[in-house]
Amino acid sequence: MNSAEKYFEEQMQDTEFRKAFNEEKSRLDIVFLLDELTEKIKMEKPTNELLKGVRKIKRTLKTA
């Protein structure tokens, strides 16, 4: 384990840090999925592919 990983593990012991980290990670995951879905819409992908993207976003929101 390098020093950055050790520092991160230490920070994750702090409840406030862990909460903020998880919130930001969830936010970034959702932004990424929305961007991905937007690109699929622009490329006029089939409805089933678009619905897969929507389901991914729903799953991410449930776990956030």
C-alpha atoms as a PDB file:
ATOM      1  CA  MET A   1       0.000   0.000   0.000  1.00  0.00           C
ATOM      2  CA  ASN A   2       1.497   3.325  -1.018  1.00  0.00           C
ATOM      3  CA  SER A   3       1.224   6.509   1.023  1.00  0.00           C
ATOM      4  CA  ALA A   4      -1.750   7.844  -0.972  1.00  0.00           C
ATOM      5  CA  GLU A   5      -3.719   4.649  -0.386  1.00  0.00           C
ATOM      6  CA  LYS A   6      -2.809   4.697   3.299  1.00  0.00           C
ATOM      7  CA  TYR A   7      -3.909   8.337   3.608  1.00  0.00           C
ATOM      8  CA  PHE A   8      -7.172   7.569   1.805  1.00  0.00           C
ATOM      9  CA  GLU A   9      -7.887   4.645   4.132  1.00  0.00           C
ATOM     10  CA  GLU A  10      -7.231   6.886   7.132  1.00  0.00           C
ATOM     11  CA  GLN A  11      -9.582   9.543   5.753  1.00  0.00           C
ATOM     12  CA  MET A  12     -12.301   6.961   5.140  1.00  0.00           C
ATOM     13  CA  GLN A  13     -12.369   6.335   8.893  1.00  0.00           C
ATOM     14  CA  ASP A  14     -13.810   9.845   9.323  1.00  0.00           C
ATOM     15  CA  THR A  15     -17.613   9.676   9.003  1.00  0.00           C
ATOM     16  CA  GLU A  16     -17.952  13.147   7.453  1.00  0.00           C
ATOM     17  CA  PHE A  17     -15.235  12.470   4.889  1.00  0.00           C
ATOM     18  CA  ARG A  18     -16.708   9.084   3.979  1.00  0.00           C
ATOM     19  CA  LYS A  19     -20.177  10.605   3.548  1.00  0.00           C
ATOM     20  CA  ALA A  20     -18.868  13.468   1.383  1.00  0.00           C
ATOM     21  CA  PHE A  21     -16.746  11.072  -0.666  1.00  0.00           C
ATOM     22  CA  ASN A  22     -19.655   8.711  -1.317  1.00  0.00           C
ATOM     23  CA  GLU A  23     -22.004  11.579  -2.219  1.00  0.00           C
ATOM     24  CA  GLU A  24     -19.508  13.009  -4.703  1.00  0.00           C
ATOM     25  CA  LYS A  25     -18.805   9.590  -6.191  1.00  0.00           C
ATOM     26  CA  SER A  26     -22.539   8.999  -6.675  1.00  0.00           C
ATOM     27  CA  ARG A  27     -22.960  12.429  -8.232  1.00  0.00           C
ATOM     28  CA  LEU A  28     -20.115  11.811 -10.673  1.00  0.00           C
ATOM     29  CA  ASP A  29     -21.462   8.354 -11.545  1.00  0.00           C
ATOM     30  CA  ILE A  30     -24.863   9.874 -12.359  1.00  0.00           C
ATOM     31  CA  VAL A  31     -23.329  12.691 -14.417  1.00  0.00           C
ATOM     32  CA  PHE A  32     -21.326  10.128 -16.388  1.00  0.00           C
ATOM     33  CA  LEU A  33     -24.397   7.966 -17.026  1.00  0.00           C
ATOM     34  CA  LEU A  34     -26.458  10.988 -18.093  1.00  0.00           C
ATOM     35  CA  ASP A  35     -23.724  12.064 -20.513  1.00  0.00           C
ATOM     36  CA  GLU A  36     -23.567   8.529 -21.884  1.00  0.00           C
ATOM     37  CA  LEU A  37     -27.353   8.456 -22.349  1.00  0.00           C
ATOM     38  CA  THR A  38     -27.312  11.891 -23.989  1.00  0.00           C
ATOM     39  CA  GLU A  39     -24.765  10.670 -26.537  1.00  0.00           C
ATOM     40  CA  LYS A  40     -26.885   7.600 -27.292  1.00  0.00           C
ATOM     41  CA  ILE A  41     -29.905   9.836 -27.871  1.00  0.00           C
ATOM     42  CA  LYS A  42     -27.891  12.091 -30.196  1.00  0.00           C
ATOM     43  CA  MET A  43     -26.757   9.023 -32.147  1.00  0.00           C
ATOM     44  CA  GLU A  44     -30.403   7.906 -32.364  1.00  0.00           C
ATOM     45  CA  LYS A  45     -29.726   4.545 -30.761  1.00  0.00           C
ATOM     46  CA  PRO A  46     -32.605   2.047 -30.508  1.00  0.00           C
ATOM     47  CA  THR A  47     -35.141   2.462 -27.727  1.00  0.00           C
ATOM     48  CA  ASN A  48     -33.964  -0.677 -25.903  1.00  0.00           C
ATOM     49  CA  GLU A  49     -30.443   0.782 -25.574  1.00  0.00           C
ATOM     50  CA  LEU A  50     -31.853   4.044 -24.257  1.00  0.00           C
ATOM     51  CA  LEU A  51     -33.956   2.184 -21.722  1.00  0.00           C
ATOM     52  CA  LYS A  52     -30.848   0.291 -20.549  1.00  0.00           C
ATOM     53  CA  GLY A  53     -29.259   3.659 -19.860  1.00  0.00           C
ATOM     54  CA  VAL A  54     -32.305   4.778 -17.890  1.00  0.00           C
ATOM     55  CA  ARG A  55     -32.216   1.573 -15.835  1.00  0.00           C
ATOM     56  CA  LYS A  56     -28.520   2.112 -15.071  1.00  0.00           C
ATOM     57  CA  ILE A  57     -29.296   5.596 -13.785  1.00  0.00           C
ATOM     58  CA  LYS A  58     -32.185   4.297 -11.660  1.00  0.00           C
ATOM     59  CA  ARG A  59     -29.925   1.626 -10.126  1.00  0.00           C
ATOM     60  CA  THR A  60     -27.275   4.216  -9.350  1.00  0.00           C
ATOM     61  CA  LEU A  61     -29.831   6.491  -7.710  1.00  0.00           C
ATOM     62  CA  LYS A  62     -31.147   3.652  -5.555  1.00  0.00           C
ATOM     63  CA  THR A  63     -27.673   2.869  -4.243  1.00  0.00           C
ATOM     64  CA  ALA A  64     -26.738   6.547  -3.740  1.00  0.00           C
END
